[in-house]
Amino acid sequence: MDTNPSSVPVKNDDVEKNKDVAAFSYVWVMSVIVYLVRRDSAFVRFHATQAMILFVLSIPIWFIPYIGRYLELLILAAAVLGFMAAAQGEWKKLPLVGRFSVKPLEPSL
């Protein structure tokens, strides 16, 4: 069986059922926990993956003097955008990190 997220069909009930959990994944380290707990949801995997990338990027940025604080604000802004998109049930790719998250194929209507 192919477990590639890009081959899994998307169900609207998956988005409606899990959009609050997907939004919660943008709360820093919670992305890892949410990813592990809701692995069966393609929508949660998509947003939790983006959130994990932001989380991993934020750690080394802490150690950059002066400019690191401004870069951290950019990561925070991306997390807020992702949080809002997930809460609204959107499959929105975030700038820079979105290309590393795989969006499943949407069903034909």
N, C-alpha and C. Protein backbone atom coordinates (compact mmCIF):
# COMPACT_ATOMS: atom_id res chain seq x y z
N MET A 1 0.83 -1.18 0.00
CA MET A 1 0.00 0.00 0.00
C MET A 1 0.88 1.24 0.00
N ASP A 2 0.54 2.19 -0.81
CA ASP A 2 1.30 3.44 -0.91
C ASP A 2 0.87 4.38 0.20
N THR A 3 1.80 4.74 1.08
CA THR A 3 1.47 5.63 2.19
C THR A 3 1.94 7.05 1.94
N ASN A 4 2.31 7.35 0.71
CA ASN A 4 2.73 8.70 0.36
C ASN A 4 1.55 9.64 0.52
N PRO A 5 1.69 10.74 1.32
CA PRO A 5 0.56 11.64 1.54
C PRO A 5 0.00 12.24 0.26
N SER A 6 0.80 12.33 -0.80
CA SER A 6 0.30 12.93 -2.03
C SER A 6 -0.66 12.01 -2.75
N SER A 7 -0.71 10.73 -2.38
CA SER A 7 -1.62 9.81 -3.04
C SER A 7 -2.88 9.54 -2.22
N VAL A 8 -2.95 10.10 -1.02
CA VAL A 8 -4.10 9.87 -0.16
C VAL A 8 -5.20 10.86 -0.52
N PRO A 9 -6.41 10.38 -0.81
CA PRO A 9 -7.48 11.31 -1.14
C PRO A 9 -7.89 12.12 0.09
N VAL A 10 -8.25 13.35 -0.14
CA VAL A 10 -8.63 14.25 0.93
C VAL A 10 -10.13 14.18 1.12
N LYS A 11 -10.55 14.10 2.36
CA LYS A 11 -11.96 14.10 2.68
C LYS A 11 -12.29 15.41 3.38
N ASN A 12 -13.40 15.99 3.03
CA ASN A 12 -13.80 17.24 3.67
C ASN A 12 -14.05 17.05 5.16
N ASP A 13 -14.52 15.87 5.56
CA ASP A 13 -14.75 15.64 6.98
C ASP A 13 -13.43 15.58 7.75
N ASP A 14 -12.34 15.18 7.08
CA ASP A 14 -11.02 15.19 7.71
C ASP A 14 -10.63 16.61 8.07
N VAL A 15 -10.85 17.54 7.15
CA VAL A 15 -10.51 18.94 7.41
C VAL A 15 -11.39 19.50 8.51
N GLU A 16 -12.69 19.28 8.42
CA GLU A 16 -13.61 19.82 9.43
C GLU A 16 -13.34 19.24 10.82
N LYS A 17 -13.04 17.97 10.86
CA LYS A 17 -12.82 17.30 12.14
C LYS A 17 -11.49 17.69 12.79
N ASN A 18 -10.48 17.99 11.97
CA ASN A 18 -9.13 18.18 12.50
C ASN A 18 -8.55 19.57 12.34
N LYS A 19 -9.34 20.54 11.90
CA LYS A 19 -8.74 21.86 11.67
C LYS A 19 -8.30 22.55 12.96
N ASP A 20 -8.98 22.30 14.07
CA ASP A 20 -8.54 22.90 15.33
C ASP A 20 -7.23 22.27 15.82
N VAL A 21 -7.08 20.97 15.63
CA VAL A 21 -5.85 20.29 16.02
C VAL A 21 -4.69 20.73 15.12
N ALA A 22 -4.97 20.88 13.83
CA ALA A 22 -3.94 21.33 12.89
C ALA A 22 -3.48 22.74 13.25
N ALA A 23 -4.41 23.60 13.64
CA ALA A 23 -4.04 24.95 14.05
C ALA A 23 -3.20 24.92 15.32
N PHE A 24 -3.55 24.04 16.24
CA PHE A 24 -2.81 23.91 17.51
C PHE A 24 -1.37 23.46 17.27
N SER A 25 -1.12 22.79 16.15
CA SER A 25 0.24 22.32 15.88
C SER A 25 1.23 23.46 15.67
N TYR A 26 0.76 24.65 15.39
CA TYR A 26 1.66 25.79 15.19
C TYR A 26 2.14 26.39 16.51
N VAL A 27 1.74 25.81 17.63
CA VAL A 27 2.22 26.26 18.93
C VAL A 27 3.53 25.53 19.22
N TRP A 28 4.57 26.01 18.68
CA TRP A 28 5.96 25.60 18.80
C TRP A 28 6.17 24.10 18.87
N VAL A 29 6.55 23.53 20.00
CA VAL A 29 6.90 22.12 20.10
C VAL A 29 5.68 21.20 19.98
N MET A 30 4.50 21.72 20.08
CA MET A 30 3.29 20.91 19.97
C MET A 30 3.17 20.27 18.58
N SER A 31 3.87 20.82 17.61
CA SER A 31 3.81 20.27 16.25
C SER A 31 4.24 18.81 16.23
N VAL A 32 5.25 18.48 16.98
CA VAL A 32 5.75 17.11 17.02
C VAL A 32 4.72 16.19 17.67
N ILE A 33 4.15 16.63 18.77
CA ILE A 33 3.16 15.82 19.48
C ILE A 33 1.91 15.63 18.64
N VAL A 34 1.42 16.71 18.03
CA VAL A 34 0.23 16.63 17.19
C VAL A 34 0.48 15.71 16.00
N TYR A 35 1.65 15.80 15.40
CA TYR A 35 1.99 14.94 14.26
C TYR A 35 1.93 13.47 14.66
N LEU A 36 2.47 13.15 15.80
CA LEU A 36 2.49 11.76 16.25
C LEU A 36 1.11 11.25 16.66
N VAL A 37 0.31 12.10 17.26
CA VAL A 37 -1.01 11.68 17.74
C VAL A 37 -2.02 11.55 16.61
N ARG A 38 -2.00 12.47 15.65
CA ARG A 38 -2.98 12.47 14.56
C ARG A 38 -2.35 12.13 13.21
N ARG A 39 -1.54 11.11 13.18
CA ARG A 39 -0.84 10.71 11.96
C ARG A 39 -1.79 10.25 10.85
N ASP A 40 -2.98 9.85 11.21
CA ASP A 40 -3.92 9.33 10.22
C ASP A 40 -4.61 10.43 9.41
N SER A 41 -4.50 11.67 9.84
CA SER A 41 -5.13 12.79 9.14
C SER A 41 -4.13 13.48 8.22
N ALA A 42 -4.43 13.49 6.92
CA ALA A 42 -3.55 14.15 5.95
C ALA A 42 -3.49 15.65 6.21
N PHE A 43 -4.59 16.25 6.62
CA PHE A 43 -4.63 17.69 6.88
C PHE A 43 -3.73 18.05 8.06
N VAL A 44 -3.79 17.27 9.12
CA VAL A 44 -2.93 17.52 10.28
C VAL A 44 -1.47 17.29 9.92
N ARG A 45 -1.18 16.22 9.17
CA ARG A 45 0.22 15.97 8.76
C ARG A 45 0.77 17.14 7.96
N PHE A 46 -0.03 17.69 7.05
CA PHE A 46 0.41 18.81 6.22
C PHE A 46 0.79 20.01 7.09
N HIS A 47 -0.10 20.41 7.99
CA HIS A 47 0.18 21.59 8.81
C HIS A 47 1.21 21.31 9.90
N ALA A 48 1.20 20.13 10.48
CA ALA A 48 2.19 19.81 11.51
C ALA A 48 3.60 19.75 10.93
N THR A 49 3.72 19.31 9.69
CA THR A 49 5.03 19.29 9.04
C THR A 49 5.57 20.71 8.86
N GLN A 50 4.72 21.60 8.39
CA GLN A 50 5.15 23.00 8.26
C GLN A 50 5.52 23.58 9.62
N ALA A 51 4.73 23.27 10.64
CA ALA A 51 5.00 23.79 11.97
C ALA A 51 6.31 23.23 12.53
N MET A 52 6.59 21.95 12.27
CA MET A 52 7.85 21.36 12.74
C MET A 52 9.05 22.01 12.08
N ILE A 53 8.93 22.33 10.81
CA ILE A 53 10.02 23.00 10.11
C ILE A 53 10.27 24.38 10.73
N LEU A 54 9.20 25.10 11.02
CA LEU A 54 9.35 26.40 11.69
C LEU A 54 9.99 26.24 13.06
N PHE A 55 9.59 25.23 13.79
CA PHE A 55 10.15 24.96 15.12
C PHE A 55 11.64 24.68 15.02
N VAL A 56 12.04 23.83 14.08
CA VAL A 56 13.46 23.49 13.92
C VAL A 56 14.26 24.71 13.48
N LEU A 57 13.69 25.54 12.61
CA LEU A 57 14.39 26.75 12.17
C LEU A 57 14.56 27.76 13.31
N SER A 58 13.62 27.79 14.22
CA SER A 58 13.68 28.79 15.29
C SER A 58 14.80 28.53 16.30
N ILE A 59 15.18 27.28 16.46
CA ILE A 59 16.20 26.95 17.48
C ILE A 59 17.56 27.57 17.16
N PRO A 60 18.15 27.37 15.97
CA PRO A 60 19.46 28.00 15.73
C PRO A 60 19.39 29.53 15.62
N ILE A 61 18.22 30.03 15.27
CA ILE A 61 18.08 31.49 15.14
C ILE A 61 18.22 32.17 16.50
N TRP A 62 17.88 31.46 17.57
CA TRP A 62 18.05 32.03 18.91
C TRP A 62 19.49 32.44 19.17
N PHE A 63 20.43 31.72 18.59
CA PHE A 63 21.84 31.93 18.89
C PHE A 63 22.51 32.96 18.00
N ILE A 64 21.77 33.55 17.10
CA ILE A 64 22.32 34.59 16.25
C ILE A 64 22.12 35.93 16.96
N PRO A 65 23.20 36.62 17.29
CA PRO A 65 23.04 37.88 18.02
C PRO A 65 22.38 38.96 17.15
N TYR A 66 21.59 39.77 17.78
CA TYR A 66 20.92 40.95 17.21
C TYR A 66 19.91 40.60 16.11
N ILE A 67 20.38 40.17 14.96
CA ILE A 67 19.46 39.93 13.84
C ILE A 67 18.58 38.70 14.07
N GLY A 68 19.00 37.81 14.95
CA GLY A 68 18.20 36.63 15.26
C GLY A 68 16.83 36.97 15.81
N ARG A 69 16.75 38.06 16.55
CA ARG A 69 15.45 38.49 17.10
C ARG A 69 14.48 38.88 15.99
N TYR A 70 14.99 39.52 14.97
CA TYR A 70 14.14 39.92 13.84
C TYR A 70 13.74 38.71 13.00
N LEU A 71 14.67 37.77 12.85
CA LEU A 71 14.35 36.55 12.11
C LEU A 71 13.30 35.73 12.87
N GLU A 72 13.38 35.76 14.18
CA GLU A 72 12.39 35.05 15.00
C GLU A 72 11.00 35.66 14.81
N LEU A 73 10.93 36.95 14.61
CA LEU A 73 9.64 37.59 14.32
C LEU A 73 9.07 37.11 12.99
N LEU A 74 9.93 36.87 12.00
CA LEU A 74 9.47 36.33 10.73
C LEU A 74 8.91 34.92 10.89
N ILE A 75 9.56 34.13 11.72
CA ILE A 75 9.07 32.77 11.98
C ILE A 75 7.74 32.83 12.73
N LEU A 76 7.63 33.75 13.66
CA LEU A 76 6.37 33.93 14.39
C LEU A 76 5.25 34.35 13.44
N ALA A 77 5.55 35.24 12.51
CA ALA A 77 4.55 35.68 11.53
C ALA A 77 4.12 34.51 10.65
N ALA A 78 5.05 33.66 10.24
CA ALA A 78 4.71 32.49 9.44
C ALA A 78 3.84 31.52 10.24
N ALA A 79 4.15 31.37 11.53
CA ALA A 79 3.35 30.49 12.37
C ALA A 79 1.92 31.02 12.53
N VAL A 80 1.79 32.31 12.65
CA VAL A 80 0.45 32.92 12.76
C VAL A 80 -0.33 32.71 11.46
N LEU A 81 0.32 32.89 10.32
CA LEU A 81 -0.33 32.64 9.03
C LEU A 81 -0.78 31.18 8.91
N GLY A 82 0.08 30.27 9.31
CA GLY A 82 -0.26 28.86 9.27
C GLY A 82 -1.39 28.51 10.22
N PHE A 83 -1.36 29.10 11.41
CA PHE A 83 -2.42 28.88 12.40
C PHE A 83 -3.77 29.32 11.84
N MET A 84 -3.79 30.50 11.25
CA MET A 84 -5.05 31.03 10.70
C MET A 84 -5.54 30.17 9.53
N ALA A 85 -4.63 29.75 8.67
CA ALA A 85 -5.02 28.92 7.53
C ALA A 85 -5.58 27.58 8.00
N ALA A 86 -4.93 26.96 8.96
CA ALA A 86 -5.39 25.67 9.47
C ALA A 86 -6.74 25.82 10.17
N ALA A 87 -6.91 26.86 10.94
CA ALA A 87 -8.17 27.09 11.65
C ALA A 87 -9.33 27.32 10.69
N GLN A 88 -9.04 27.83 9.50
CA GLN A 88 -10.07 28.07 8.50
C GLN A 88 -10.23 26.88 7.55
N GLY A 89 -9.43 25.83 7.74
CA GLY A 89 -9.54 24.63 6.92
C GLY A 89 -8.89 24.75 5.56
N GLU A 90 -7.88 25.60 5.43
CA GLU A 90 -7.20 25.81 4.15
C GLU A 90 -5.90 25.02 4.08
N TRP A 91 -5.58 24.55 2.88
CA TRP A 91 -4.32 23.85 2.61
C TRP A 91 -3.29 24.86 2.10
N LYS A 92 -2.98 25.86 2.87
CA LYS A 92 -2.11 26.94 2.43
C LYS A 92 -0.64 26.62 2.73
N LYS A 93 0.19 26.69 1.69
CA LYS A 93 1.63 26.50 1.88
C LYS A 93 2.24 27.81 2.35
N LEU A 94 3.02 27.73 3.40
CA LEU A 94 3.68 28.92 3.95
C LEU A 94 4.89 29.28 3.11
N PRO A 95 5.26 30.56 3.08
CA PRO A 95 6.47 30.96 2.34
C PRO A 95 7.70 30.22 2.88
N LEU A 96 8.54 29.81 2.01
CA LEU A 96 9.80 29.11 2.28
C LEU A 96 9.64 27.68 2.78
N VAL A 97 8.80 27.42 3.74
CA VAL A 97 8.70 26.07 4.31
C VAL A 97 7.59 25.25 3.67
N GLY A 98 6.68 25.86 2.97
CA GLY A 98 5.55 25.16 2.38
C GLY A 98 5.92 24.15 1.34
N ARG A 99 7.01 24.38 0.65
CA ARG A 99 7.40 23.43 -0.41
C ARG A 99 7.89 22.11 0.15
N PHE A 100 8.21 22.07 1.43
CA PHE A 100 8.66 20.83 2.06
C PHE A 100 7.50 20.01 2.62
N SER A 101 6.32 20.57 2.62
CA SER A 101 5.12 19.85 3.05
C SER A 101 4.39 19.39 1.81
N VAL A 102 3.92 18.18 1.83
CA VAL A 102 3.27 17.61 0.67
C VAL A 102 1.76 17.74 0.84
N LYS A 103 1.11 18.39 -0.10
CA LYS A 103 -0.34 18.52 -0.08
C LYS A 103 -0.95 17.34 -0.83
N PRO A 104 -1.83 16.59 -0.19
CA PRO A 104 -2.48 15.48 -0.87
C PRO A 104 -3.35 15.96 -2.02
N LEU A 105 -3.62 15.06 -2.94
CA LEU A 105 -4.49 15.39 -4.06
C LEU A 105 -5.91 15.61 -3.56
N GLU A 106 -6.52 16.68 -4.02
CA GLU A 106 -7.89 16.95 -3.64
C GLU A 106 -8.83 16.15 -4.53
N PRO A 107 -9.94 15.67 -3.96
CA PRO A 107 -10.85 14.88 -4.77
C PRO A 107 -11.53 15.74 -5.82
N SER A 108 -11.82 15.14 -6.94
CA SER A 108 -12.53 15.88 -7.98
C SER A 108 -13.98 16.00 -7.60
N LEU A 109 -14.52 17.17 -7.79
CA LEU A 109 -15.91 17.42 -7.40
C LEU A 109 -16.85 17.27 -8.57
